Each structure stands twice: as C-alpha cells, then as structure tokens.
Amino acid sequence: MDEDEKDMEEEEYDFEYSDEEVEEADVVLENAYYAAKGLKAQGDLAGAVEGMQEVLRLEAAGERGEWGFKALKQSVKMLFALGQYEAMLERYVFLLDHYTVTPASFHGARAAVTQNVAEKGLDSVLDLVSSSSSPSLLRALYDTTLARLEGGEESGREGRAEGGARRRNQRLWFKTNLKLGHLLLSEAMQKEGGEHRAWRPSSLLLPLVSGSIPSGRGSPLILTLHCLLSPSFLPSEESVRLLGRLQRLIKDLLKSCEGPQEGPGEDGSAGGDTIKRGTQLLEVYALQMQLFALQKDSRKLKDLYKLALGITWGVPHPRTLGVLQECGGRMYMDEKDYNAAIQAFFSSFKCYDEAGDPRRFTLLKYLVLASMLHASTIDPFDSQEAKPYKEEREVVAMRNLILAFQNHDVKAFETILKVHTDRH
C-alpha cells in the first residue's frame, strides 16, 4: 500500500460524523484541503505544501480541528519527500504542540483531535520518515515526539517519576521508543562494522581450502567457517555511548510492559490486555537479543531466548519472530549446535518470508552455512518454503557453493568464494 492509499484509508475511518455534523463542517476549509490534495496528486508537491498552509491560515480564525491536523500531517510528509527537513521538523513540532499532545489538552481542555486519531496520524508520519538514511534526522524526530509525550522537560521528569502514569499516549510512546531503539542499535552496528572493514573472509578462508575439502566436522574448512561467524566486538567510544542509551531505553520499555496479568488462564485463553503486553514484551526482547548478540553476551542471549520462547500469549509481527529465531540461530552457531541452528534459521526464514522482508535471503545464506558446518547432505533448497527462491540471483551462488561442498569440488568451491566475496 503506497502513501496515498494510506492517507485515503486514514481519512475514510479516522473521522466519523453524523449527517448533521457533516452539514456543519467548514466547507471552505474542506475545499481548500482537497484542492491542495489535488496538487499533490498532480506531482506539484511545493504547490500542495503552500495549499496546506492556506488551510492553516483559514483555520487560524476559528478553532483548531480535523482539517488543520490533516493539512499539517500532509505537509510534514511532503516536505520530507522534498528533502526540506528543517521545515518538516518545524511543522511536525507545530503538529505535536497544537493539535495532539498540548499541555492544555492533557490537563482537560478539548484536544483538536482524539487520541486515537492523533496516534494513527503521527504513527504514519513516523513510519514514513523512518525510511530516511539520516540518523540525526530520525533522532530529532523521535526525541521531539517523546519529549512532547512526556510533557516537556519539566513535566516529563514528573511523569517518569510516577512510572509513566502521566504519559499522554502510551501506545505511541512505546512505538516511538521502539523505533528509537532500533535506530540506536543500527548506528552501533554501523560503528562496529566500520572498525572491521579490513576484515575479509576470503583472505582467511581461501588459504585453508587447497587440495581437498574434508567432510568431517574437524576439518580446517569447517573450523574456519565457524571462526568467521565470531569476530571480536571492539566497541568504539561512540558505540559505548549509543549502547548505553539503548540499554536505558530497553529498561524503560520493559518497565512499561509490567502489569497485573499473569499470562494465559487455565483454559489457555488470554485477555486483550494480556495479549497486548505479551506482544510488546516479544518486541522488546527481540531488540534486546540483538543487543546481546552484538555484545557477544552468549549467556544473557541464551537466557532471554528461552524466556521469549516461553511467551505464548502474544501476537507479534512475523518480523519480530524472525529476529528472535535469527538471534537464536546465531547463538546455537556459537555453541556449535549446528542442527539446532538449522532449525532456528529455517524458522526465522519462514517468518521473514511471511512478512515479505528481504532479510529472508540473508537467512537462506545462514541456513546454507549452518548446513555445511553440520556436514549435512540435505539440500536446504529442497524444502517447500525455500524452493521458490532457488533461482533468485542472491541465492544461486549459495546453492552452487553447497553443491560444490557436497561434491568435494575444491576448484568450484574456491572460485565461488573468491568471486562473490570480492564483489562485497
């Protein structure tokens, strides 16, 4: 679903009025809004932004309401598309302060839109802008949102002191913190990766695969393949700072998931609140497991993996389950339990595949590697789930690699490794 379709869906369901209320709507504002939307549909984003600004000017004479909220939301999205990030952040702050989470509305005055409408609209903005490759822009957006949700600097401290009871929109707070957590993790991983750019798997592997490819688990090839999975983690000062903030954020998220529920009842059923909290816990665990995997903290990773598998009353997104199983597979690889790693990687692949996540190709590669380390004679691509991807460009090389391994074809194995490692 593209952005225009999402906007249409939001506008269809966000605001529901009786016939009498529709008749009383400000026709001038409505007409101005849809005129600006027309310019957007024609590709004139700059003109559409100016048209949305006209909606705000017209609304300024009266009471803030739905048309101003829609106009600001559209302006933020279009300014992002135009690359005008400073102006985008200004409009976004205005949207937060005057239409959704203002101090006045929090203390009982009428808000411009309902909490559910505000949450859905702001979440759509955050989802769109999350595609940005600028960490500084994303941090500014997330930090600004969280500051407003906590009531600003002063009331935010008070809200946190009361365990978050004064937060204005708990669901949006949780989602935004989760997005920020993934951003911090991504930044830390990039910093860590940058310190190992000179590390080339081919330079370590190729010298050891000359002459023969023994199939036993103690062969030089097998041992080297395992070593390639466990590079040392040497965090920089910046990585330490990012991971420290991430740890504090995860602690806050876990605290927000605390509640009176005790899991499913005796009949295996669970209430709505229990399901929501179980789902949120799994999302936080997935983030925390990635942190432990990055830090090479195998003990904590294993404990958390077992804890996550014990939560059966949540309904997480398939991508969340994919992350959990991927981390579990990497943990089993470190333990040299290759059979368990194969099972975990295959489960992760299926979850990513269900979510339509391109990371499914990476998991197929992990699956191939685990199969070689296990000295398995079973082709991973014979499974019903993996078979449709046998001819994908990213997968063909891995298929050829495992065939060369199984056939003890040293020359083909070395050639595939060298060609495809040098490309990356």
Protein backbone atom coordinates (compact mmCIF):
# COMPACT_ATOMS: atom_id res chain seq x y z
CA MET A 1 0.00 0.00 0.00
CA ASP A 2 1.53 3.32 -1.08
CA GLU A 3 1.38 6.56 0.89
CA ASP A 4 -1.63 8.00 -0.98
CA GLU A 5 -3.66 4.84 -0.33
CA LYS A 6 -2.74 5.00 3.37
CA ASP A 7 -3.89 8.62 3.50
CA MET A 8 -7.20 7.72 1.87
CA GLU A 9 -7.72 4.89 4.35
CA GLU A 10 -6.97 7.17 7.30
CA GLU A 11 -9.34 9.85 6.04
CA GLU A 12 -12.08 7.31 5.49
CA TYR A 13 -12.01 5.91 9.02
CA ASP A 14 -10.34 8.49 11.25
CA PHE A 15 -13.25 10.92 11.45
CA GLU A 16 -16.84 9.79 11.76
CA TYR A 17 -19.67 12.31 11.89
CA SER A 18 -23.44 12.30 11.82
CA ASP A 19 -25.27 13.89 8.87
CA GLU A 20 -25.92 16.97 10.97
CA GLU A 21 -22.23 17.32 11.85
CA VAL A 22 -21.23 16.96 8.21
CA GLU A 23 -23.59 19.78 7.26
CA GLU A 24 -21.97 21.99 9.89
CA ALA A 25 -18.41 21.30 8.70
CA ASP A 26 -16.44 24.27 7.41
CA VAL A 27 -16.85 23.87 3.66
CA VAL A 28 -14.18 26.46 2.93
CA LEU A 29 -11.53 24.52 4.86
CA GLU A 30 -12.59 21.25 3.29
CA ASN A 31 -12.43 22.68 -0.23
CA ALA A 32 -9.01 24.23 0.42
CA TYR A 33 -7.69 20.95 1.76
CA TYR A 34 -8.83 18.88 -1.20
CA ALA A 35 -7.58 21.50 -3.64
CA ALA A 36 -4.13 21.07 -2.10
CA LYS A 37 -4.52 17.29 -2.27
CA GLY A 38 -5.26 17.66 -5.96
CA LEU A 39 -1.96 19.46 -6.48
CA LYS A 40 -0.20 16.64 -4.65
CA ALA A 41 -1.85 14.08 -6.93
CA GLN A 42 -0.54 16.04 -9.93
CA GLY A 43 3.00 15.88 -8.57
CA ASP A 44 3.19 19.56 -7.58
CA LEU A 45 4.40 18.97 -4.02
CA ALA A 46 5.64 22.53 -3.48
CA GLY A 47 2.26 23.91 -4.56
CA ALA A 48 0.47 21.35 -2.40
CA VAL A 49 2.52 22.38 0.67
CA GLU A 50 1.53 26.00 0.08
CA GLY A 51 -2.08 24.89 -0.33
CA MET A 52 -1.96 23.08 3.03
CA GLN A 53 -0.52 26.22 4.59
CA GLU A 54 -3.55 28.10 3.27
CA VAL A 55 -5.78 25.63 5.14
CA LEU A 56 -3.96 26.53 8.35
CA ARG A 57 -4.30 30.25 7.67
CA LEU A 58 -8.03 29.85 7.13
CA GLU A 59 -8.40 27.74 10.25
CA ALA A 60 -6.46 30.22 12.40
CA ALA A 61 -9.54 32.45 12.56
CA GLY A 62 -11.51 29.75 14.36
CA GLU A 63 -10.95 26.63 16.40
CA ARG A 64 -8.29 24.11 15.51
CA GLY A 65 -9.70 20.84 14.24
CA GLU A 66 -9.53 17.99 11.79
CA TRP A 67 -8.66 19.95 8.64
CA GLY A 68 -5.69 21.65 10.23
CA PHE A 69 -4.48 18.31 11.58
CA LYS A 70 -4.79 16.69 8.15
CA ALA A 71 -3.11 19.64 6.45
CA LEU A 72 -0.15 19.60 8.82
CA LYS A 73 0.23 15.84 8.55
CA GLN A 74 0.28 16.07 4.75
CA SER A 75 2.73 19.00 4.88
CA VAL A 76 5.18 17.04 7.02
CA LYS A 77 5.10 14.08 4.63
CA MET A 78 5.52 16.22 1.51
CA LEU A 79 8.34 18.30 2.99
CA PHE A 80 10.10 15.04 3.81
CA ALA A 81 9.67 13.92 0.19
CA LEU A 82 11.08 17.27 -0.96
CA GLY A 83 14.10 16.92 1.32
CA GLN A 84 13.24 20.09 3.25
CA TYR A 85 13.97 18.54 6.63
CA GLU A 86 14.26 21.69 8.71
CA ALA A 87 10.86 22.94 7.57
CA MET A 88 9.47 19.42 8.06
CA LEU A 89 10.60 19.34 11.70
CA GLU A 90 9.09 22.79 12.32
CA ARG A 91 5.70 21.65 11.00
CA TYR A 92 5.95 18.42 12.95
CA VAL A 93 6.61 20.24 16.23
CA PHE A 94 3.64 22.54 15.49
CA LEU A 95 1.52 19.45 14.84
CA LEU A 96 2.53 17.95 18.18
CA ASP A 97 2.15 21.12 20.23
CA HIS A 98 -1.12 22.48 18.85
CA TYR A 99 -3.14 19.52 17.63
CA THR A 100 -2.32 16.37 19.56
CA VAL A 101 -0.40 16.43 22.83
CA THR A 102 -0.56 20.02 24.02
CA PRO A 103 -0.31 20.77 27.75
CA ALA A 104 -3.80 22.27 27.64
CA SER A 105 -5.38 19.19 26.10
CA PHE A 106 -3.55 16.95 28.57
CA HIS A 107 -4.95 18.81 31.55
CA GLY A 108 -8.55 18.52 30.43
CA ALA A 109 -9.12 21.08 27.69
CA ARG A 110 -10.56 19.91 24.39
CA ALA A 111 -7.96 18.49 22.02
CA ALA A 112 -8.11 19.26 18.30
CA VAL A 113 -8.41 15.55 17.50
CA THR A 114 -8.98 12.40 19.52
CA GLN A 115 -6.10 10.41 20.94
CA ASN A 116 -6.71 7.51 18.54
CA VAL A 117 -6.72 9.82 15.52
CA ALA A 118 -3.57 11.56 16.75
CA GLU A 119 -1.81 8.25 17.33
CA LYS A 120 -2.69 6.87 13.91
CA GLY A 121 -1.68 10.07 12.13
CA LEU A 122 1.60 10.54 13.97
CA ASP A 123 2.47 6.86 13.62
CA SER A 124 2.00 7.12 9.84
CA VAL A 125 4.39 10.10 9.79
CA LEU A 126 6.99 8.24 11.87
CA ASP A 127 6.70 5.14 9.67
CA LEU A 128 7.29 7.22 6.54
CA VAL A 129 10.22 9.21 7.90
CA SER A 130 11.80 6.03 9.34
CA SER A 131 12.88 5.24 5.78
CA SER A 132 15.36 8.14 5.99
CA SER A 133 19.06 7.30 5.90
CA SER A 134 19.87 10.25 8.19
CA PRO A 135 20.28 9.11 11.83
CA SER A 136 20.39 12.72 13.05
CA LEU A 137 17.04 13.49 11.43
CA LEU A 138 15.44 10.38 12.89
CA ARG A 139 16.84 11.05 16.37
CA ALA A 140 15.49 14.61 16.25
CA LEU A 141 12.06 13.32 15.22
CA TYR A 142 11.89 10.57 17.84
CA ASP A 143 13.34 12.70 20.66
CA THR A 144 10.92 15.52 19.89
CA THR A 145 7.95 13.15 19.91
CA LEU A 146 9.00 11.54 23.19
CA ALA A 147 9.64 14.91 24.85
CA ARG A 148 6.10 16.05 23.99
CA LEU A 149 4.57 12.77 25.08
CA GLU A 150 6.35 13.10 28.42
CA GLY A 151 5.03 16.65 28.82
CA GLY A 152 8.20 18.56 28.06
CA GLU A 153 11.35 18.70 30.13
CA GLU A 154 9.75 19.59 33.46
CA SER A 155 6.55 17.55 33.38
CA GLY A 156 8.44 14.72 31.66
CA ARG A 157 10.55 14.22 34.78
CA GLU A 158 7.41 14.19 36.88
CA GLY A 159 5.75 11.69 34.55
CA ARG A 160 8.73 9.37 34.63
CA ALA A 161 8.92 9.63 38.41
CA GLU A 162 5.38 8.33 38.54
CA GLY A 163 6.24 5.32 36.40
CA GLY A 164 4.89 6.86 33.21
CA ALA A 165 1.35 7.22 34.55
CA ARG A 166 1.10 10.73 33.12
CA ARG A 167 2.12 9.87 29.60
CA ARG A 168 -0.44 11.19 27.16
CA ASN A 169 -0.41 8.32 24.70
CA GLN A 170 1.22 5.16 26.00
CA ARG A 171 0.95 3.23 22.74
CA LEU A 172 2.58 5.99 20.70
CA TRP A 173 5.26 6.38 23.40
CA PHE A 174 6.02 2.65 23.17
CA LYS A 175 6.13 2.59 19.36
CA THR A 176 8.36 5.66 19.19
CA ASN A 177 10.78 4.30 21.78
CA LEU A 178 10.94 1.01 19.91
CA LYS A 179 11.79 2.87 16.68
CA LEU A 180 14.45 4.87 18.52
CA GLY A 181 15.87 1.65 19.98
CA HIS A 182 16.26 0.09 16.54
CA LEU A 183 17.92 3.29 15.31
CA LEU A 184 20.45 3.25 18.16
CA LEU A 185 21.17 -0.43 17.53
CA SER A 186 21.64 0.19 13.81
CA GLU A 187 24.04 3.08 14.48
CA ALA A 188 26.05 0.98 16.94
CA MET A 189 26.27 -1.88 14.43
CA GLN A 190 27.47 0.50 11.72
CA LYS A 191 30.13 1.88 14.05
CA GLU A 192 31.23 -1.65 14.92
CA GLY A 193 31.24 -2.68 11.27
CA GLY A 194 33.33 0.32 10.33
CA GLU A 195 36.08 -0.84 12.67
CA HIS A 196 36.34 -4.19 10.85
CA ARG A 197 36.34 -3.06 7.20
CA ALA A 198 39.78 -4.59 6.67
CA TRP A 199 38.49 -7.98 7.82
CA ARG A 200 37.92 -10.03 4.66
CA PRO A 201 36.54 -13.59 4.99
CA SER A 202 38.17 -14.65 1.71
CA SER A 203 41.65 -13.81 2.99
CA LEU A 204 41.12 -16.18 5.92
CA LEU A 205 39.21 -18.93 4.18
CA LEU A 206 40.86 -19.43 0.80
CA PRO A 207 44.33 -20.43 2.09
CA LEU A 208 42.75 -23.27 4.03
CA VAL A 209 40.74 -24.87 1.22
CA SER A 210 43.51 -26.02 -1.09
CA GLY A 211 43.96 -29.64 -2.01
CA SER A 212 40.80 -31.18 -0.59
CA ILE A 213 37.56 -30.48 1.19
CA PRO A 214 37.23 -32.99 4.04
CA SER A 215 33.65 -33.57 5.11
CA GLY A 216 34.36 -34.15 8.79
CA ARG A 217 33.46 -31.52 11.38
CA GLY A 218 37.08 -31.15 12.49
CA SER A 219 38.40 -30.22 9.05
CA PRO A 220 40.18 -26.88 8.52
CA LEU A 221 37.31 -25.73 6.30
CA ILE A 222 34.66 -26.43 8.93
CA LEU A 223 36.67 -24.84 11.73
CA THR A 224 37.37 -21.75 9.66
CA LEU A 225 33.74 -21.35 8.65
CA HIS A 226 32.82 -21.34 12.33
CA CYS A 227 35.51 -18.77 13.19
CA LEU A 228 34.14 -16.42 10.55
CA LEU A 229 30.90 -16.19 12.49
CA SER A 230 32.55 -14.95 15.69
CA PRO A 231 34.60 -11.78 15.03
CA SER A 232 35.57 -9.93 18.20
CA PHE A 233 33.47 -6.97 19.26
CA LEU A 234 35.66 -3.95 19.98
CA PRO A 235 33.26 -1.05 20.56
CA SER A 236 34.40 2.49 19.99
CA GLU A 237 33.65 5.28 22.43
CA GLU A 238 30.70 6.34 20.28
CA SER A 239 29.37 2.77 20.22
CA VAL A 240 29.59 2.61 24.01
CA ARG A 241 27.54 5.80 24.26
CA LEU A 242 24.89 4.53 21.83
CA LEU A 243 24.64 1.13 23.53
CA GLY A 244 24.42 2.75 26.95
CA ARG A 245 21.45 4.80 25.84
CA LEU A 246 19.91 1.72 24.22
CA GLN A 247 20.21 -0.24 27.47
CA ARG A 248 18.42 2.52 29.38
CA LEU A 249 15.71 2.67 26.74
CA ILE A 250 15.15 -1.10 26.88
CA LYS A 251 14.87 -0.90 30.67
CA ASP A 252 12.12 1.74 30.32
CA LEU A 253 10.30 -0.35 27.72
CA LEU A 254 10.41 -3.46 29.89
CA LYS A 255 9.08 -1.48 32.84
CA SER A 256 6.19 -0.21 30.71
CA CYS A 257 5.25 -3.84 29.96
CA GLU A 258 4.82 -4.65 33.64
CA GLY A 259 1.25 -5.24 34.70
CA PRO A 260 -1.07 -7.34 36.83
CA GLN A 261 -1.58 -10.00 34.16
CA GLU A 262 -0.14 -13.46 34.84
CA GLY A 263 -0.20 -14.87 31.35
CA PRO A 264 -2.96 -17.07 29.91
CA GLY A 265 -5.66 -18.52 32.07
CA GLU A 266 -6.15 -22.18 32.96
CA ASP A 267 -8.02 -22.77 29.72
CA GLY A 268 -5.16 -21.27 27.70
CA SER A 269 -7.09 -18.13 26.84
CA ALA A 270 -5.80 -14.60 27.35
CA GLY A 271 -7.48 -11.23 27.64
CA GLY A 272 -6.84 -8.30 25.31
CA ASP A 273 -4.53 -6.52 27.73
CA THR A 274 -2.52 -9.68 28.34
CA ILE A 275 -2.14 -10.30 24.61
CA LYS A 276 -1.03 -6.70 24.05
CA ARG A 277 1.57 -6.86 26.80
CA GLY A 278 2.83 -10.24 25.59
CA THR A 279 3.21 -8.83 22.09
CA GLN A 280 5.07 -5.79 23.40
CA LEU A 281 7.36 -7.96 25.52
CA LEU A 282 8.35 -10.01 22.49
CA GLU A 283 9.10 -6.83 20.54
CA VAL A 284 11.35 -5.58 23.35
CA TYR A 285 13.01 -8.99 23.73
CA ALA A 286 13.77 -9.03 20.00
CA LEU A 287 15.53 -5.68 20.34
CA GLN A 288 17.39 -6.75 23.49
CA MET A 289 18.51 -10.02 21.93
CA GLN A 290 20.07 -8.12 19.03
CA LEU A 291 21.93 -6.02 21.58
CA PHE A 292 23.25 -9.12 23.38
CA ALA A 293 24.22 -10.69 20.04
CA LEU A 294 26.19 -7.57 19.12
CA GLN A 295 27.93 -7.59 22.50
CA LYS A 296 28.66 -11.32 22.16
CA ASP A 297 26.99 -11.90 25.53
CA SER A 298 26.05 -15.54 24.96
CA ARG A 299 24.77 -16.23 28.48
CA LYS A 300 22.27 -13.38 28.52
CA LEU A 301 21.26 -14.11 24.95
CA LYS A 302 20.51 -17.73 25.77
CA ASP A 303 18.51 -16.86 28.89
CA LEU A 304 16.46 -14.26 27.03
CA TYR A 305 15.87 -16.59 24.07
CA LYS A 306 14.41 -19.23 26.39
CA LEU A 307 12.29 -16.57 28.10
CA ALA A 308 10.96 -15.31 24.75
CA LEU A 309 10.04 -18.81 23.58
CA GLY A 310 8.00 -19.23 26.77
CA ILE A 311 5.69 -16.31 25.90
CA THR A 312 2.77 -17.86 24.07
CA TRP A 313 0.07 -15.26 24.71
CA GLY A 314 1.33 -12.51 22.39
CA VAL A 315 0.56 -11.90 18.72
CA PRO A 316 3.79 -10.39 17.40
CA HIS A 317 4.52 -9.39 13.82
CA PRO A 318 6.23 -12.21 11.86
CA ARG A 319 9.28 -9.97 11.51
CA THR A 320 9.63 -9.88 15.30
CA LEU A 321 9.59 -13.67 15.46
CA GLY A 322 12.10 -13.73 12.62
CA VAL A 323 14.51 -11.61 14.64
CA LEU A 324 14.07 -13.81 17.72
CA GLN A 325 14.78 -17.01 15.79
CA GLU A 326 17.70 -15.45 13.90
CA CYS A 327 19.36 -14.47 17.18
CA GLY A 328 18.68 -17.96 18.49
CA GLY A 329 20.30 -19.47 15.42
CA ARG A 330 23.40 -17.34 15.82
CA MET A 331 23.56 -18.37 19.47
CA TYR A 332 23.44 -22.05 18.51
CA MET A 333 26.19 -21.45 15.94
CA ASP A 334 28.41 -20.06 18.69
CA GLU A 335 27.65 -23.19 20.72
CA LYS A 336 28.44 -25.36 17.66
CA ASP A 337 24.97 -26.89 17.89
CA TYR A 338 24.53 -26.77 14.14
CA ASN A 339 21.42 -28.91 13.99
CA ALA A 340 19.57 -26.54 16.35
CA ALA A 341 20.96 -23.59 14.35
CA ILE A 342 19.50 -25.05 11.16
CA GLN A 343 16.07 -25.32 12.79
CA ALA A 344 16.20 -21.78 14.18
CA PHE A 345 17.45 -20.25 10.92
CA PHE A 346 14.77 -22.08 8.95
CA SER A 347 12.06 -20.81 11.32
CA SER A 348 13.48 -17.30 11.00
CA PHE A 349 13.49 -17.57 7.21
CA LYS A 350 9.82 -18.60 7.18
CA CYS A 351 8.88 -15.65 9.42
CA TYR A 352 10.75 -13.13 7.28
CA ASP A 353 9.20 -14.70 4.20
CA GLU A 354 5.72 -14.32 5.67
CA ALA A 355 6.48 -10.67 6.45
CA GLY A 356 7.81 -10.06 2.94
CA ASP A 357 11.12 -8.95 4.46
CA PRO A 358 14.14 -9.12 2.11
CA ARG A 359 16.21 -10.41 5.03
CA ARG A 360 14.83 -13.83 4.15
CA PHE A 361 17.66 -14.10 1.60
CA THR A 362 20.25 -13.49 4.32
CA LEU A 363 18.68 -16.24 6.41
CA LEU A 364 18.85 -18.63 3.47
CA LYS A 365 22.58 -17.93 3.34
CA TYR A 366 22.87 -18.58 7.09
CA LEU A 367 20.93 -21.79 6.57
CA VAL A 368 23.37 -22.92 3.88
CA LEU A 369 26.35 -22.12 6.09
CA ALA A 370 24.87 -23.98 9.06
CA SER A 371 24.18 -26.98 6.80
CA MET A 372 27.82 -27.08 5.68
CA LEU A 373 29.07 -26.80 9.26
CA HIS A 374 26.73 -29.64 10.19
CA ALA A 375 28.17 -31.64 7.26
CA SER A 376 24.59 -32.26 6.23
CA THR A 377 23.81 -33.99 2.94
CA ILE A 378 20.34 -32.45 2.82
CA ASP A 379 19.90 -29.57 0.39
CA PRO A 380 18.16 -26.69 2.27
CA PHE A 381 16.55 -25.63 -1.00
CA ASP A 382 14.61 -28.86 -1.28
CA SER A 383 12.11 -27.58 1.29
CA GLN A 384 8.77 -26.34 0.02
CA GLU A 385 9.31 -22.89 1.56
CA ALA A 386 12.79 -22.31 0.11
CA LYS A 387 12.24 -23.91 -3.29
CA PRO A 388 10.63 -20.81 -4.91
CA TYR A 389 13.86 -18.87 -4.30
CA LYS A 390 16.26 -21.38 -5.86
CA GLU A 391 16.77 -19.22 -8.95
CA GLU A 392 16.99 -15.85 -7.19
CA ARG A 393 20.23 -14.03 -8.04
CA GLU A 394 21.23 -13.68 -4.37
CA VAL A 395 20.64 -17.38 -3.73
CA VAL A 396 22.13 -19.05 -6.81
CA ALA A 397 25.71 -18.54 -5.58
CA MET A 398 24.88 -20.14 -2.22
CA ARG A 399 23.23 -23.09 -3.95
CA ASN A 400 26.32 -23.57 -6.10
CA LEU A 401 28.54 -23.30 -3.01
CA ILE A 402 26.72 -26.03 -1.13
CA LEU A 403 26.69 -28.28 -4.22
CA ALA A 404 30.45 -27.83 -4.57
CA PHE A 405 30.87 -28.62 -0.88
CA GLN A 406 28.77 -31.77 -1.08
CA ASN A 407 30.56 -32.92 -4.24
CA HIS A 408 34.04 -32.16 -2.80
CA ASP A 409 34.65 -29.91 -5.81
CA VAL A 410 37.55 -27.83 -4.47
CA LYS A 411 38.09 -25.74 -7.57
CA ALA A 412 34.43 -24.71 -7.85
CA PHE A 413 34.24 -24.01 -4.12
CA GLU A 414 37.28 -21.70 -4.19
CA THR A 415 36.07 -19.90 -7.32
CA ILE A 416 32.61 -19.20 -5.91
CA LEU A 417 34.05 -17.91 -2.65
CA LYS A 418 36.59 -15.66 -4.33
CA VAL A 419 34.26 -14.16 -6.93
CA HIS A 420 31.37 -13.41 -4.60
CA THR A 421 33.47 -12.29 -1.64
CA ASP A 422 35.41 -9.83 -3.81
CA ARG A 423 32.13 -8.34 -5.03
CA HIS A 424 31.26 -7.37 -1.46
